[in-house]
Every structure is written in C-alpha cells, then in structure tokens.
C-alpha atoms as a PDB file:
ATOM      1  CA  MET A   1      10.917   0.406  10.449  1.00  0.00           C
ATOM      2  CA  THR A   2       9.256  -2.853   9.011  1.00  0.00           C
ATOM      3  CA  THR A   3       7.791  -2.255   5.714  1.00  0.00           C
ATOM      4  CA  THR A   4       3.990  -2.593   4.981  1.00  0.00           C
ATOM      5  CA  GLN A   5       2.654  -4.041   1.599  1.00  0.00           C
ATOM      6  CA  ASP A   6       0.186  -2.408  -0.444  1.00  0.00           C
ATOM      7  CA  ALA A   7      -3.723  -1.911   0.038  1.00  0.00           C
ATOM      8  CA  GLY A   8      -4.490  -5.245  -0.779  1.00  0.00           C
ATOM      9  CA  SER A   9      -2.358  -7.066   1.380  1.00  0.00           C
ATOM     10  CA  SER A  10      -2.532  -9.320   3.931  1.00  0.00           C
ATOM     11  CA  VAL A  11      -0.955  -7.596   6.740  1.00  0.00           C
ATOM     12  CA  SER A  12      -3.851  -6.701   9.259  1.00  0.00           C
ATOM     13  CA  SER A  13      -4.386  -2.914  10.021  1.00  0.00           C
ATOM     14  CA  SER A  14      -3.855  -3.294  13.788  1.00  0.00           C
ATOM     15  CA  ALA A  15       0.042  -4.965  12.875  1.00  0.00           C
ATOM     16  CA  ILE A  16       0.403  -1.727  10.858  1.00  0.00           C
ATOM     17  CA  SER A  17      -0.937   0.572  13.735  1.00  0.00           C
ATOM     18  CA  SER A  18       1.124  -0.990  16.724  1.00  0.00           C
ATOM     19  CA  ILE A  19       4.394  -0.506  14.275  1.00  0.00           C
ATOM     20  CA  ARG A  20       4.375   2.224  12.472  1.00  0.00           C
ATOM     21  CA  GLU A  21       1.244   4.693  12.161  1.00  0.00           C
ATOM     22  CA  THR A  22       0.290   7.822  13.981  1.00  0.00           C
ATOM     23  CA  GLN A  23      -3.524   7.951  15.262  1.00  0.00           C
ATOM     24  CA  ASN A  24      -6.059  10.758  15.364  1.00  0.00           C
ATOM     25  CA  ILE A  25      -4.714  13.007  12.734  1.00  0.00           C
ATOM     26  CA  THR A  26      -7.230  15.196  10.668  1.00  0.00           C
ATOM     27  CA  TYR A  27      -6.809  16.811   7.453  1.00  0.00           C
ATOM     28  CA  ILE A  28      -9.176  18.914   5.230  1.00  0.00           C
ATOM     29  CA  GLY A  29      -8.504  18.656   1.313  1.00  0.00           C
ATOM     30  CA  VAL A  30     -10.420  17.443  -2.112  1.00  0.00           C
ATOM     31  CA  VAL A  31     -10.623  13.600  -2.809  1.00  0.00           C
ATOM     32  CA  GLU A  32      -9.123  12.480  -5.880  1.00  0.00           C
ATOM     33  CA  PRO A  33      -8.614   8.986  -7.956  1.00  0.00           C
ATOM     34  CA  ALA A  34      -4.792   7.672  -6.835  1.00  0.00           C
ATOM     35  CA  GLY A  35      -4.442   7.612 -10.674  1.00  0.00           C
ATOM     36  CA  ILE A  36      -1.122   6.691 -11.665  1.00  0.00           C
ATOM     37  CA  SER A  37       1.917   7.120  -9.257  1.00  0.00           C
ATOM     38  CA  VAL A  38       4.784   5.909  -7.870  1.00  0.00           C
ATOM     39  CA  TYR A  39       3.203   5.020  -4.746  1.00  0.00           C
ATOM     40  CA  THR A  40       1.600   1.631  -4.751  1.00  0.00           C
ATOM     41  CA  GLU A  41      -0.504   2.473  -1.559  1.00  0.00           C
ATOM     42  CA  GLY A  42      -3.305   4.000  -1.262  1.00  0.00           C
ATOM     43  CA  SER A  43      -6.887   3.936  -3.287  1.00  0.00           C
ATOM     44  CA  HIS A  44      -6.995   8.001  -3.454  1.00  0.00           C
ATOM     45  CA  ARG A  45      -5.303  10.991  -2.406  1.00  0.00           C
ATOM     46  CA  LEU A  46      -6.068  13.932  -0.347  1.00  0.00           C
ATOM     47  CA  VAL A  47      -5.449  17.124  -2.177  1.00  0.00           C
ATOM     48  CA  LEU A  48      -3.944  19.876   0.047  1.00  0.00           C
ATOM     49  CA  PRO A  49      -2.905  23.007  -0.423  1.00  0.00           C
ATOM     50  CA  GLU A  50       0.165  24.067  -3.243  1.00  0.00           C
ATOM     51  CA  GLY A  51      -0.235  20.788  -4.678  1.00  0.00           C
ATOM     52  CA  LYS A  52       0.710  18.399  -2.024  1.00  0.00           C
ATOM     53  CA  PHE A  53      -0.922  15.414  -0.887  1.00  0.00           C
ATOM     54  CA  VAL A  54      -1.536  12.378   1.341  1.00  0.00           C
ATOM     55  CA  LEU A  55      -2.746   9.170  -0.214  1.00  0.00           C
ATOM     56  CA  LEU A  56      -5.839   7.778   1.194  1.00  0.00           C
ATOM     57  CA  GLU A  57      -7.129   3.793   1.870  1.00  0.00           C
ATOM     58  CA  SER A  58     -10.064   2.570   3.768  1.00  0.00           C
ATOM     59  CA  SER A  59     -11.760  -0.591   4.682  1.00  0.00           C
ATOM     60  CA  THR A  60     -14.873   1.086   6.247  1.00  0.00           C
ATOM     61  CA  VAL A  61     -14.777   4.223   4.425  1.00  0.00           C
ATOM     62  CA  ASP A  62     -16.423   4.204   0.803  1.00  0.00           C
ATOM     63  CA  LEU A  63     -14.007   6.977  -0.512  1.00  0.00           C
ATOM     64  CA  ASN A  64     -15.364   6.802  -3.954  1.00  0.00           C
ATOM     65  CA  GLY A  65     -18.590   8.268  -2.793  1.00  0.00           C
ATOM     66  CA  TYR A  66     -16.112  11.777  -1.851  1.00  0.00           C
ATOM     67  CA  VAL A  67     -14.224  11.959  -4.961  1.00  0.00           C
ATOM     68  CA  ASN A  68     -14.026  15.926  -6.066  1.00  0.00           C
ATOM     69  CA  GLU A  69     -15.837  16.698  -2.562  1.00  0.00           C
ATOM     70  CA  LYS A  70     -13.943  18.893  -0.148  1.00  0.00           C
ATOM     71  CA  VAL A  71     -14.099  17.031   3.233  1.00  0.00           C
ATOM     72  CA  MET A  72     -12.184  16.552   6.487  1.00  0.00           C
ATOM     73  CA  VAL A  73     -10.382  12.918   7.059  1.00  0.00           C
ATOM     74  CA  PHE A  74      -9.819  11.750  10.316  1.00  0.00           C
ATOM     75  CA  GLY A  75      -7.609   8.509  10.721  1.00  0.00           C
ATOM     76  CA  SER A  76      -3.773   7.462  11.223  1.00  0.00           C
ATOM     77  CA  ILE A  77      -1.056   8.110   8.893  1.00  0.00           C
ATOM     78  CA  ARG A  78       2.383   6.312   8.283  1.00  0.00           C
ATOM     79  CA  PRO A  79       5.235   6.478   5.606  1.00  0.00           C
ATOM     80  CA  THR A  80       4.435   4.794   2.454  1.00  0.00           C
ATOM     81  CA  VAL A  81       6.882   1.859   1.350  1.00  0.00           C
ATOM     82  CA  GLU A  82       8.520   4.168  -1.230  1.00  0.00           C
ATOM     83  CA  ALA A  83      10.319   6.982  -0.136  1.00  0.00           C
ATOM     84  CA  GLY A  84       8.598  10.271   0.460  1.00  0.00           C
ATOM     85  CA  GLY A  85       5.082   9.780   0.571  1.00  0.00           C
ATOM     86  CA  MET A  86       2.459   9.413   3.517  1.00  0.00           C
ATOM     87  CA  VAL A  87      -0.748   7.250   3.682  1.00  0.00           C
ATOM     88  CA  MET A  88      -3.708   7.698   6.019  1.00  0.00           C
ATOM     89  CA  ARG A  89      -6.296   4.803   6.793  1.00  0.00           C
ATOM     90  CA  VAL A  90      -9.134   6.827   7.148  1.00  0.00           C
ATOM     91  CA  THR A  91     -11.594   6.039   9.691  1.00  0.00           C
ATOM     92  CA  GLU A  92     -13.906   9.068   9.389  1.00  0.00           C
ATOM     93  CA  ILE A  93     -14.881  11.532   6.768  1.00  0.00           C
ATOM     94  CA  GLN A  94     -16.902  14.503   6.780  1.00  0.00           C
ATOM     95  CA  LEU A  95     -18.166  16.952   3.802  1.00  0.00           C
ATOM     96  CA  GLN A  96     -17.422  20.545   4.537  1.00  0.00           C
ATOM     97  CA  ASP A  97     -18.119  23.501   2.488  1.00  0.00           C
ATOM     98  CA  SER A  98     -16.523  26.738   1.910  1.00  0.00           C
ATOM     99  CA  SER A  99     -18.257  28.983   4.768  1.00  0.00           C
ATOM    100  CA  SER A 100     -18.145  26.272   7.479  1.00  0.00           C
ATOM    101  CA  SER A 101     -14.579  25.136   7.197  1.00  0.00           C
ATOM    102  CA  SER A 102     -12.631  28.315   6.087  1.00  0.00           C
ATOM    103  CA  SER A 103     -11.534  28.948  10.104  1.00  0.00           C
ATOM    104  CA  LYS A 104     -10.673  25.432  10.596  1.00  0.00           C
ATOM    105  CA  GLU A 105      -8.748  25.111   7.015  1.00  0.00           C
ATOM    106  CA  SER A 106      -6.842  28.727   7.781  1.00  0.00           C
ATOM    107  CA  SER A 107      -5.913  27.417  11.387  1.00  0.00           C
ATOM    108  CA  ALA A 108      -4.487  24.027   9.704  1.00  0.00           C
ATOM    109  CA  GLU A 109      -2.762  25.568   6.927  1.00  0.00           C
ATOM    110  CA  THR A 110      -0.702  28.046   8.974  1.00  0.00           C
ATOM    111  CA  SER A 111       0.129  26.033  12.228  1.00  0.00           C
ATOM    112  CA  SER A 112       0.593  22.605  10.706  1.00  0.00           C
ATOM    113  CA  VAL A 113      -1.510  21.401  14.006  1.00  0.00           C
ATOM    114  CA  PRO A 114      -3.763  18.377  13.312  1.00  0.00           C
ATOM    115  CA  SER A 115      -6.885  19.288  14.692  1.00  0.00           C
ATOM    116  CA  ARG A 116      -7.826  16.662  16.691  1.00  0.00           C
ATOM    117  CA  GLY A 117      -6.097  13.764  18.568  1.00  0.00           C
ATOM    118  CA  SER A 118      -3.207  13.688  21.340  1.00  0.00           C
ATOM    119  CA  SER A 119      -0.847  12.440  19.543  1.00  0.00           C
ATOM    120  CA  ALA A 120       0.547  15.615  17.583  1.00  0.00           C
ATOM    121  CA  LEU A 121       2.065  15.412  14.027  1.00  0.00           C
ATOM    122  CA  SER A 122       3.155  17.939  12.116  1.00  0.00           C
ATOM    123  CA  SER A 123       1.696  17.835   8.168  1.00  0.00           C
ATOM    124  CA  ALA A 124       3.916  15.353   6.570  1.00  0.00           C
ATOM    125  CA  PHE A 125       2.873  15.603   2.773  1.00  0.00           C
ATOM    126  CA  ALA A 126       3.410  13.920  -0.353  1.00  0.00           C
ATOM    127  CA  THR A 127       4.729  15.319  -3.341  1.00  0.00           C
ATOM    128  CA  VAL A 128       6.640  13.282  -5.917  1.00  0.00           C
ATOM    129  CA  SER A 129       9.781  15.175  -6.212  1.00  0.00           C
ATOM    130  CA  SER A 130      10.483  14.705  -2.502  1.00  0.00           C
ATOM    131  CA  VAL A 131      14.029  13.968  -2.008  1.00  0.00           C
ATOM    132  CA  ALA A 132      14.007  13.108   1.691  1.00  0.00           C
ATOM    133  CA  ILE A 133      15.121   9.756   2.923  1.00  0.00           C
ATOM    134  CA  SER A 134      11.916   7.410   3.788  1.00  0.00           C
ATOM    135  CA  PRO A 135      12.030   5.355   7.357  1.00  0.00           C
ATOM    136  CA  SER A 136      12.860   1.680   6.170  1.00  0.00           C
ATOM    137  CA  SER A 137      12.636  -2.186   7.117  1.00  0.00           C
ATOM    138  CA  SER A 138      16.684  -2.581   7.396  1.00  0.00           C
ATOM    139  CA  THR A 139      19.579  -0.676   8.407  1.00  0.00           C
ATOM    140  CA  ALA A 140      20.641   1.594   5.534  1.00  0.00           C
ATOM    141  CA  ALA A 141      23.991   3.278   4.752  1.00  0.00           C
ATOM    142  CA  VAL A 142      23.091   6.277   2.675  1.00  0.00           C
ATOM    143  CA  GLU A 143      25.221   9.043   1.847  1.00  0.00           C
ATOM    144  CA  SER A 144      23.345  12.580   0.116  1.00  0.00           C
ATOM    145  CA  SER A 145      25.602  13.562  -2.438  1.00  0.00           C
ATOM    146  CA  GLU A 146      23.866  17.443  -2.105  1.00  0.00           C
ATOM    147  CA  THR A 147      25.677  20.591  -0.308  1.00  0.00           C
ATOM    148  CA  GLN A 148      24.177  23.131   1.448  1.00  0.00           C
ATOM    149  CA  SER A 149      26.096  26.946   1.203  1.00  0.00           C
ATOM    150  CA  SER A 150      23.763  28.359   3.735  1.00  0.00           C
ATOM    151  CA  LEU A 151      24.853  29.239   7.396  1.00  0.00           C
ATOM    152  CA  PHE A 152      23.462  27.470  10.238  1.00  0.00           C
ATOM    153  CA  VAL A 153      20.740  28.951  11.579  1.00  0.00           C
ATOM    154  CA  SER A 154      19.037  26.937  14.662  1.00  0.00           C
ATOM    155  CA  SER A 155      15.878  28.112  15.842  1.00  0.00           C
ATOM    156  CA  LEU A 156      16.274  25.668  18.727  1.00  0.00           C
ATOM    157  CA  ALA A 157      18.925  27.887  20.458  1.00  0.00           C
ATOM    158  CA  GLU A 158      18.015  31.170  19.236  1.00  0.00           C
ATOM    159  CA  LYS A 159      14.339  33.070  18.957  1.00  0.00           C
ATOM    160  CA  SER A 160      13.641  35.814  15.438  1.00  0.00           C
ATOM    161  CA  SER A 161      13.140  39.374  16.023  1.00  0.00           C
ATOM    162  CA  LEU A 162       9.577  39.593  14.496  1.00  0.00           C
ATOM    163  CA  SER A 163       9.603  43.167  15.093  1.00  0.00           C
ATOM    164  CA  SER A 164      12.468  43.774  12.732  1.00  0.00           C
ATOM    165  CA  VAL A 165      10.953  42.124   9.558  1.00  0.00           C
ATOM    166  CA  PRO A 166       8.214  42.746   7.315  1.00  0.00           C
ATOM    167  CA  ALA A 167       4.886  41.236   8.485  1.00  0.00           C
ATOM    168  CA  SER A 168       4.985  38.714   5.591  1.00  0.00           C
ATOM    169  CA  SER A 169       8.613  37.738   6.796  1.00  0.00           C
ATOM    170  CA  ALA A 170       7.550  37.689  10.395  1.00  0.00           C
ATOM    171  CA  SER A 171       4.415  35.403   9.781  1.00  0.00           C
ATOM    172  CA  SER A 172       6.797  32.695   7.804  1.00  0.00           C
ATOM    173  CA  VAL A 173       9.207  32.343  10.742  1.00  0.00           C
ATOM    174  CA  ALA A 174       6.055  32.281  13.355  1.00  0.00           C
ATOM    175  CA  SER A 175       5.041  29.091  11.003  1.00  0.00           C
ATOM    176  CA  SER A 176       8.229  27.705  10.819  1.00  0.00           C
ATOM    177  CA  GLN A 177       8.875  27.934  14.370  1.00  0.00           C
ATOM    178  CA  ALA A 178       5.685  26.392  15.044  1.00  0.00           C
ATOM    179  CA  ASP A 179       6.218  23.809  12.666  1.00  0.00           C
ATOM    180  CA  LEU A 180       9.240  23.087  14.248  1.00  0.00           C
ATOM    181  CA  SER A 181       8.231  23.126  17.732  1.00  0.00           C
ATOM    182  CA  LEU A 182       5.250  20.599  16.470  1.00  0.00           C
ATOM    183  CA  LYS A 183       8.128  17.910  15.314  1.00  0.00           C
ATOM    184  CA  ILE A 184      10.123  18.281  18.246  1.00  0.00           C
ATOM    185  CA  GLU A 185       6.674  17.440  20.202  1.00  0.00           C
ATOM    186  CA  THR A 186       6.208  14.694  17.919  1.00  0.00           C
ATOM    187  CA  MET A 187       9.603  13.437  18.313  1.00  0.00           C
ATOM    188  CA  SER A 188       9.772  13.579  22.024  1.00  0.00           C
ATOM    189  CA  ARG A 189       6.610  11.226  22.458  1.00  0.00           C
ATOM    190  CA  GLN A 190       8.755   8.091  20.766  1.00  0.00           C
ATOM    191  CA  ASN A 191       9.796   5.282  22.764  1.00  0.00           C
ATOM    192  CA  PHE A 192      13.776   5.272  22.629  1.00  0.00           C
ATOM    193  CA  ALA A 193      14.411   1.809  23.411  1.00  0.00           C
ATOM    194  CA  PRO A 194      17.512   0.659  21.637  1.00  0.00           C
ATOM    195  CA  SER A 195      15.671  -1.883  19.769  1.00  0.00           C
ATOM    196  CA  LEU A 196      13.646   0.437  17.670  1.00  0.00           C
ATOM    197  CA  TRP A 197      16.616   2.283  16.339  1.00  0.00           C
ATOM    198  CA  THR A 198      16.587   0.310  13.304  1.00  0.00           C
ATOM    199  CA  GLN A 199      17.849   2.604  10.768  1.00  0.00           C
ATOM    200  CA  GLN A 200      21.287   4.284  10.001  1.00  0.00           C
ATOM    201  CA  TYR A 201      22.776   6.827   7.927  1.00  0.00           C
ATOM    202  CA  CYS A 202      26.973   6.297   7.027  1.00  0.00           C
ATOM    203  CA  THR A 203      28.689   7.973   4.773  1.00  0.00           C
ATOM    204  CA  SER A 204      32.110   6.050   3.273  1.00  0.00           C
ATOM    205  CA  HIS A 205      33.611   9.709   2.321  1.00  0.00           C
ATOM    206  CA  ILE A 206      33.628  11.106   5.708  1.00  0.00           C
ATOM    207  CA  GLY A 207      33.925   7.574   7.581  1.00  0.00           C
ATOM    208  CA  PHE A 208      31.177   7.800  10.319  1.00  0.00           C
ATOM    209  CA  CYS A 209      27.922   6.284  11.200  1.00  0.00           C
ATOM    210  CA  LEU A 210      24.538   7.235  13.310  1.00  0.00           C
ATOM    211  CA  PRO A 211      21.855   5.477  14.209  1.00  0.00           C
ATOM    212  CA  ILE A 212      18.061   6.614  13.100  1.00  0.00           C
ATOM    213  CA  HIS A 213      14.931   5.961  14.956  1.00  0.00           C
ATOM    214  CA  LYS A 214      12.901   3.619  12.870  1.00  0.00           C
ATOM    215  CA  ASN A 215       9.759   6.415  12.432  1.00  0.00           C
ATOM    216  CA  TRP A 216      12.459   9.106  11.629  1.00  0.00           C
ATOM    217  CA  TRP A 217      13.473  10.594   8.358  1.00  0.00           C
ATOM    218  CA  PHE A 218      16.726  12.194   7.951  1.00  0.00           C
ATOM    219  CA  LYS A 219      19.053  13.874   5.224  1.00  0.00           C
ATOM    220  CA  SER A 220      22.742  14.683   4.872  1.00  0.00           C
ATOM    221  CA  PHE A 221      23.565  18.502   3.643  1.00  0.00           C
ATOM    222  CA  GLY A 222      26.932  17.312   3.414  1.00  0.00           C
ATOM    223  CA  THR A 223      29.559  20.286   4.109  1.00  0.00           C
ATOM    224  CA  THR A 224      27.912  23.825   4.437  1.00  0.00           C
ATOM    225  CA  THR A 225      30.090  27.448   5.148  1.00  0.00           C
ATOM    226  CA  VAL A 226      30.525  26.263   8.867  1.00  0.00           C
ATOM    227  CA  GLU A 227      30.223  22.712   9.554  1.00  0.00           C
ATOM    228  CA  LEU A 228      32.482  19.842   7.686  1.00  0.00           C
ATOM    229  CA  TRP A 229      29.175  17.851   7.371  1.00  0.00           C
ATOM    230  CA  ARG A 230      25.623  17.759   8.398  1.00  0.00           C
ATOM    231  CA  VAL A 231      22.795  15.797   8.648  1.00  0.00           C
ATOM    232  CA  GLU A 232      19.371  16.593  10.167  1.00  0.00           C
ATOM    233  CA  ILE A 233      16.757  14.148  11.745  1.00  0.00           C
ATOM    234  CA  SER A 234      12.868  14.689  11.483  1.00  0.00           C
ATOM    235  CA  SER A 235       9.360  13.386  12.102  1.00  0.00           C
ATOM    236  CA  GLU A 236       8.861  13.717   8.673  1.00  0.00           C
ATOM    237  CA  PRO A 237      10.766  14.235   4.999  1.00  0.00           C
ATOM    238  CA  VAL A 238      13.539  16.794   5.020  1.00  0.00           C
ATOM    239  CA  GLU A 239      14.048  19.169   2.191  1.00  0.00           C
ATOM    240  CA  ASN A 240      15.211  22.227   3.461  1.00  0.00           C
ATOM    241  CA  LEU A 241      18.491  23.115   5.797  1.00  0.00           C
ATOM    242  CA  GLY A 242      16.871  23.430   8.968  1.00  0.00           C
ATOM    243  CA  GLU A 243      13.893  21.612   9.407  1.00  0.00           C
ATOM    244  CA  GLY A 244      15.306  18.784  10.947  1.00  0.00           C
ATOM    245  CA  PRO A 245      14.583  19.187  14.744  1.00  0.00           C
ATOM    246  CA  ILE A 246      18.109  16.881  15.578  1.00  0.00           C
ATOM    247  CA  VAL A 247      20.880  18.346  14.083  1.00  0.00           C
ATOM    248  CA  VAL A 248      24.200  16.350  13.942  1.00  0.00           C
ATOM    249  CA  ARG A 249      27.251  18.690  13.313  1.00  0.00           C
ATOM    250  CA  LEU A 250      30.841  17.654  12.161  1.00  0.00           C
ATOM    251  CA  LEU A 251      33.188  20.641  13.245  1.00  0.00           C
ATOM    252  CA  THR A 252      36.789  21.536  13.189  1.00  0.00           C
ATOM    253  CA  ASP A 253      38.330  22.168  16.545  1.00  0.00           C
ATOM    254  CA  SER A 254      38.892  18.631  18.617  1.00  0.00           C
ATOM    255  CA  ARG A 255      37.111  19.516  22.169  1.00  0.00           C
ATOM    256  CA  SER A 256      39.008  16.581  23.178  1.00  0.00           C
ATOM    257  CA  ALA A 257      38.421  17.789  27.207  1.00  0.00           C
ATOM    258  CA  ASP A 258      34.493  17.789  26.385  1.00  0.00           C
ATOM    259  CA  ASP A 259      34.515  14.462  24.917  1.00  0.00           C
ATOM    260  CA  GLY A 260      31.302  12.231  25.287  1.00  0.00           C
ATOM    261  CA  THR A 261      29.826  15.238  27.719  1.00  0.00           C
ATOM    262  CA  VAL A 262      26.004  16.554  26.887  1.00  0.00           C
ATOM    263  CA  LYS A 263      24.968  20.356  28.071  1.00  0.00           C
ATOM    264  CA  THR A 264      21.853  22.125  28.538  1.00  0.00           C
ATOM    265  CA  GLU A 265      21.457  25.695  28.242  1.00  0.00           C
ATOM    266  CA  GLY A 266      18.707  27.950  27.069  1.00  0.00           C
ATOM    267  CA  GLY A 267      16.357  25.250  26.247  1.00  0.00           C
ATOM    268  CA  THR A 268      19.338  23.260  23.796  1.00  0.00           C
ATOM    269  CA  VAL A 269      21.053  20.048  24.749  1.00  0.00           C
ATOM    270  CA  THR A 270      24.193  19.179  22.951  1.00  0.00           C
ATOM    271  CA  PHE A 271      26.626  15.981  22.804  1.00  0.00           C
ATOM    272  CA  VAL A 272      29.831  16.542  22.092  1.00  0.00           C
ATOM    273  CA  LYS A 273      32.130  13.743  20.516  1.00  0.00           C
ATOM    274  CA  SER A 274      35.560  14.052  19.762  1.00  0.00           C
ATOM    275  CA  TRP A 275      37.307  12.493  16.718  1.00  0.00           C
ATOM    276  CA  THR A 276      40.807  12.502  14.914  1.00  0.00           C
ATOM    277  CA  PHE A 277      42.490  15.705  13.216  1.00  0.00           C
ATOM    278  CA  ASP A 278      40.731  18.008  15.373  1.00  0.00           C
ATOM    279  CA  ARG A 279      37.166  17.406  14.392  1.00  0.00           C
ATOM    280  CA  HIS A 280      34.095  16.950  16.959  1.00  0.00           C
ATOM    281  CA  PHE A 281      30.931  16.106  16.341  1.00  0.00           C
ATOM    282  CA  GLU A 282      27.894  18.049  17.947  1.00  0.00           C
ATOM    283  CA  ILE A 283      24.537  16.342  18.251  1.00  0.00           C
ATOM    284  CA  VAL A 284      22.219  19.496  18.773  1.00  0.00           C
ATOM    285  CA  ALA A 285      18.326  19.720  19.396  1.00  0.00           C
ATOM    286  CA  ASP A 286      15.729  20.867  21.941  1.00  0.00           C
ATOM    287  CA  ALA A 287      15.866  19.742  25.668  1.00  0.00           C
ATOM    288  CA  ARG A 288      12.873  17.780  25.241  1.00  0.00           C
ATOM    289  CA  LEU A 289      14.986  15.472  23.100  1.00  0.00           C
ATOM    290  CA  SER A 290      17.617  15.019  25.690  1.00  0.00           C
ATOM    291  CA  GLU A 291      17.165  11.312  25.325  1.00  0.00           C
ATOM    292  CA  ALA A 292      17.413  10.827  21.933  1.00  0.00           C
ATOM    293  CA  VAL A 293      20.293  13.444  21.946  1.00  0.00           C
ATOM    294  CA  ARG A 294      21.889  10.867  24.249  1.00  0.00           C
ATOM    295  CA  TYR A 295      21.541   7.542  22.420  1.00  0.00           C
ATOM    296  CA  ILE A 296      22.403   9.040  19.043  1.00  0.00           C
ATOM    297  CA  GLY A 297      25.723  10.418  20.323  1.00  0.00           C
ATOM    298  CA  SER A 298      26.993   7.446  22.774  1.00  0.00           C
ATOM    299  CA  THR A 299      26.320   4.858  19.779  1.00  0.00           C
ATOM    300  CA  LEU A 300      27.854   7.215  17.030  1.00  0.00           C
ATOM    301  CA  SER A 301      30.647   5.207  15.390  1.00  0.00           C
ATOM    302  CA  VAL A 302      33.502   5.895  13.105  1.00  0.00           C
ATOM    303  CA  PHE A 303      35.565   3.783  10.938  1.00  0.00           C
ATOM    304  CA  ASP A 304      38.893   2.558  11.408  1.00  0.00           C
ATOM    305  CA  ASP A 305      40.660   4.030   8.833  1.00  0.00           C
ATOM    306  CA  ALA A 306      38.664   7.358   9.378  1.00  0.00           C
ATOM    307  CA  ARG A 307      40.577   9.906   7.985  1.00  0.00           C
END
C-alpha cells in the first residue's frame, strides 16, 4: 500500500482517499489532543471504550473546539504509516450528550457496525501495544515468531449453539460473529485486481510466500496444535487466533489428488494446494471471499529449496 506523509504533507486528500481510505465511517467518543505518541499522523485522538482510540485530523473542522467533549465524528479512515494505528479524516462532527447518544453508542460498541454509510468497516481501533502487521507501501517479507496452542475454530464453517452457554458467553460469541461478518463484508467489496496485491508474507523458516492485498492486515501464528503453520488475513489488525476472515493453513497429508481444487461447502470456500513431504496448504474463508481465496491459492509460491 502506498504510504502517506503526516498531516502537514503535500499529499492531497483526494489522493489519499483514492488509494487507501474507507469512507462514510462514524465513531462516538471523547476528543483529546494527540499528545506524545508513536504516530506521526493526526492532531487529536478520539478515545473509545476500553482505552482504544482512533487518531483524528481535519482541514474543515476545528478539532480544538471539541477537546474533552463527547462527540460523534463522521469521515474517512485509513491505516497509519506506523503499524497498528488508524486515522480518520473528519468531515463532520456533532456534540453528544449521554441521554441522546446512549442507545447509538451502545449499538456501536456491541456490534462494531458504523452507524452510517454504505462502505462498512468494523471498528479498527489503534492501540500502542498492537502487534498486528500494517499494510505498507512495498512488498514486505515478514515472519512472526509467535506460536499459539489454541485449536483451530473457524466461525466461517461452524455456528455456535448459544443455548448451551451462559448468557455472557453467548453475548461475546454473538459479538465476535457479528464483527467477523462485518470484516468479511468489508473485504468482499475490495477490487481484487492483481496490481492491488502489493504486500507479501514470507517465511524462510517454512519456505513459502503468499500475496496480501494492499488494504489488508496479516499475522502469522506459527505452529498450532493442529497446523504446521497458520497465517490470518483481515481488513483490520489481527491480534488473536480466529480474528482473520481468511486463514492460510499448512497441514500434513499431501492431498496431491486435490491440488489446485476449490471447494465450496456450507458457505465456506477452500483452496487446496499440495506441497512436498506429505504437506498441503488450505486457504479457507467465507464464500463471499472466493475470488480472494482463489488468487491467494493460485499465486502462493514455495522456495526451490523448500524443506
């Protein structure tokens, strides 16, 4: 993804919008000065629940007049140049009071659905401690050393039985499913032209590379209890196992007869690519992301000296 300069740069807002912005997004929170931060973009920040925040900038709204006020902001968001952040170009702002905004805010916090606009994007919050990998301007060879021991649980293929769990757990599961569904919807609206796959995930340890869309984030979870290697791809930073709508899995059992096949079952699409030493890749996602899955599977490459 082409990077942008900070708020004082000569890069035009129209250029930013055409390259990397998602428009018509709404957030509710409290405006604060940006202060000392690892981020070079944004003059202010909008503090959201649980300490998360979105950076703010605007050439049309005086954000200084809303410091320490609870507001609803409208505009377009994009990833920051530094990893892990999101910045909103504010075009409109409205003061909120607890009585008039409580129902809207509650809805936004539980479902993570923007309150207006046809271009849906789940709440991509910025945290200083984020370890997700940011979309970048150049093709990057990145390998995470993190490993997870959690079992593979894909809500793309399975539906949780809410009646068998406590109400609090059921609410959490429902919220996670709604968030994942929104990410899928956002990702499915992308243009999947080959020229837009400008990032790359590579692991020299295992010996393969796969393309990443310029507007997406990715994270390697390394070896799990059921996978030799696992990478997840999302429209926003990935922190925990299962948050990425697209999952790339390296498994045992060669599946040579299925090499290059694409299967759709139960609303889930799977691309199978065989490899050496009784291993094969599976690229798994919701069927709405079938085009992206096919592209990733068909362009996934392995090193000549792959182990």
